[in-house]
Amino acid sequence: MNSNVMPSIVKMEQEVLEQLLSTADVKETIATDVNFAKNQNRAFGIVDLWNIQRNMKSARKISKRNSL
């Protein structure tokens, strides 16, 4: 098996690194109008497990059909 893997450490000049760290302005916005309370009371039940299993069966059939 031939594996050409890129190194995980990026080599960079000190000046370029300092420039990236000093000029990087991160502007973030916070979503205040989102309501997450809708699904808080719903419990994970046996129907959810059944749906996951059913979806996995159909995904296997599709992938099996594509590989032939």
C-alpha atoms as a PDB file:
ATOM      1  CA  MET A   1       0.000   0.000   0.000  1.00  0.00           C
ATOM      2  CA  ASN A   2       1.466   3.301  -1.086  1.00  0.00           C
ATOM      3  CA  SER A   3       0.783   6.177   1.250  1.00  0.00           C
ATOM      4  CA  ASN A   4       2.005   9.687   0.634  1.00  0.00           C
ATOM      5  CA  VAL A   5       1.109  11.638   3.725  1.00  0.00           C
ATOM      6  CA  MET A   6       1.620  15.340   4.141  1.00  0.00           C
ATOM      7  CA  PRO A   7       3.416  16.383   7.327  1.00  0.00           C
ATOM      8  CA  SER A   8       1.087  17.572  10.059  1.00  0.00           C
ATOM      9  CA  ILE A   9       3.389  20.422  11.065  1.00  0.00           C
ATOM     10  CA  VAL A  10       3.272  23.434   8.776  1.00  0.00           C
ATOM     11  CA  LYS A  11       6.584  25.231   8.375  1.00  0.00           C
ATOM     12  CA  MET A  12       6.157  28.988   8.276  1.00  0.00           C
ATOM     13  CA  GLU A  13       8.459  31.957   8.556  1.00  0.00           C
ATOM     14  CA  GLN A  14       8.325  33.834  11.843  1.00  0.00           C
ATOM     15  CA  GLU A  15       7.399  37.141  10.158  1.00  0.00           C
ATOM     16  CA  VAL A  16       4.433  35.622   8.339  1.00  0.00           C
ATOM     17  CA  LEU A  17       3.217  33.962  11.532  1.00  0.00           C
ATOM     18  CA  GLU A  18       3.392  37.222  13.471  1.00  0.00           C
ATOM     19  CA  GLN A  19       1.542  39.031  10.696  1.00  0.00           C
ATOM     20  CA  LEU A  20      -1.255  36.458  10.696  1.00  0.00           C
ATOM     21  CA  LEU A  21      -1.595  36.573  14.466  1.00  0.00           C
ATOM     22  CA  SER A  22      -1.529  40.361  14.748  1.00  0.00           C
ATOM     23  CA  THR A  23      -3.925  41.295  11.939  1.00  0.00           C
ATOM     24  CA  ALA A  24      -6.562  38.614  12.391  1.00  0.00           C
ATOM     25  CA  ASP A  25      -9.812  40.257  13.441  1.00  0.00           C
ATOM     26  CA  VAL A  26     -12.577  37.807  14.196  1.00  0.00           C
ATOM     27  CA  LYS A  27     -16.035  39.286  13.975  1.00  0.00           C
ATOM     28  CA  GLU A  28     -18.710  37.061  15.419  1.00  0.00           C
ATOM     29  CA  THR A  29     -22.433  37.462  15.613  1.00  0.00           C
ATOM     30  CA  ILE A  30     -24.665  35.791  18.134  1.00  0.00           C
ATOM     31  CA  ALA A  31     -28.022  34.452  17.033  1.00  0.00           C
ATOM     32  CA  THR A  32     -30.459  35.789  19.607  1.00  0.00           C
ATOM     33  CA  ASP A  33     -33.695  34.935  17.797  1.00  0.00           C
ATOM     34  CA  VAL A  34     -33.185  31.136  17.809  1.00  0.00           C
ATOM     35  CA  ASN A  35     -35.489  29.119  20.041  1.00  0.00           C
ATOM     36  CA  PHE A  36     -34.071  25.715  21.023  1.00  0.00           C
ATOM     37  CA  ALA A  37     -36.780  24.851  23.549  1.00  0.00           C
ATOM     38  CA  LYS A  38     -38.966  23.033  20.984  1.00  0.00           C
ATOM     39  CA  ASN A  39     -37.189  19.656  21.134  1.00  0.00           C
ATOM     40  CA  GLN A  40     -36.077  19.749  24.754  1.00  0.00           C
ATOM     41  CA  ASN A  41     -38.963  17.702  26.152  1.00  0.00           C
ATOM     42  CA  ARG A  42     -38.841  14.985  23.481  1.00  0.00           C
ATOM     43  CA  ALA A  43     -37.287  11.731  24.649  1.00  0.00           C
ATOM     44  CA  PHE A  44     -35.348   9.345  22.438  1.00  0.00           C
ATOM     45  CA  GLY A  45     -37.603   6.322  22.105  1.00  0.00           C
ATOM     46  CA  ILE A  46     -37.915   2.926  20.505  1.00  0.00           C
ATOM     47  CA  VAL A  47     -39.508   4.468  17.411  1.00  0.00           C
ATOM     48  CA  ASP A  48     -36.378   6.529  16.852  1.00  0.00           C
ATOM     49  CA  LEU A  49     -34.212   3.411  17.109  1.00  0.00           C
ATOM     50  CA  TRP A  50     -36.503   1.607  14.656  1.00  0.00           C
ATOM     51  CA  ASN A  51     -36.225   4.497  12.170  1.00  0.00           C
ATOM     52  CA  ILE A  52     -32.432   4.498  12.409  1.00  0.00           C
ATOM     53  CA  GLN A  53     -32.313   0.771  11.741  1.00  0.00           C
ATOM     54  CA  ARG A  54     -34.744   1.065   8.828  1.00  0.00           C
ATOM     55  CA  ASN A  55     -32.707   3.877   7.264  1.00  0.00           C
ATOM     56  CA  MET A  56     -29.490   1.881   7.632  1.00  0.00           C
ATOM     57  CA  LYS A  57     -31.051  -1.089   5.817  1.00  0.00           C
ATOM     58  CA  SER A  58     -32.062   1.067   2.871  1.00  0.00           C
ATOM     59  CA  ALA A  59     -28.630   2.734   2.789  1.00  0.00           C
ATOM     60  CA  ARG A  60     -26.976  -0.698   2.638  1.00  0.00           C
ATOM     61  CA  LYS A  61     -29.202  -1.701  -0.278  1.00  0.00           C
ATOM     62  CA  ILE A  62     -28.292   1.450  -2.200  1.00  0.00           C
ATOM     63  CA  SER A  63     -24.568   1.102  -1.591  1.00  0.00           C
ATOM     64  CA  LYS A  64     -24.696  -2.592  -2.506  1.00  0.00           C
ATOM     65  CA  ARG A  65     -26.510  -1.760  -5.728  1.00  0.00           C
ATOM     66  CA  ASN A  66     -23.946   0.950  -6.631  1.00  0.00           C
ATOM     67  CA  SER A  67     -20.977  -1.339  -6.019  1.00  0.00           C
ATOM     68  CA  LEU A  68     -22.217  -4.001  -8.443  1.00  0.00           C
END
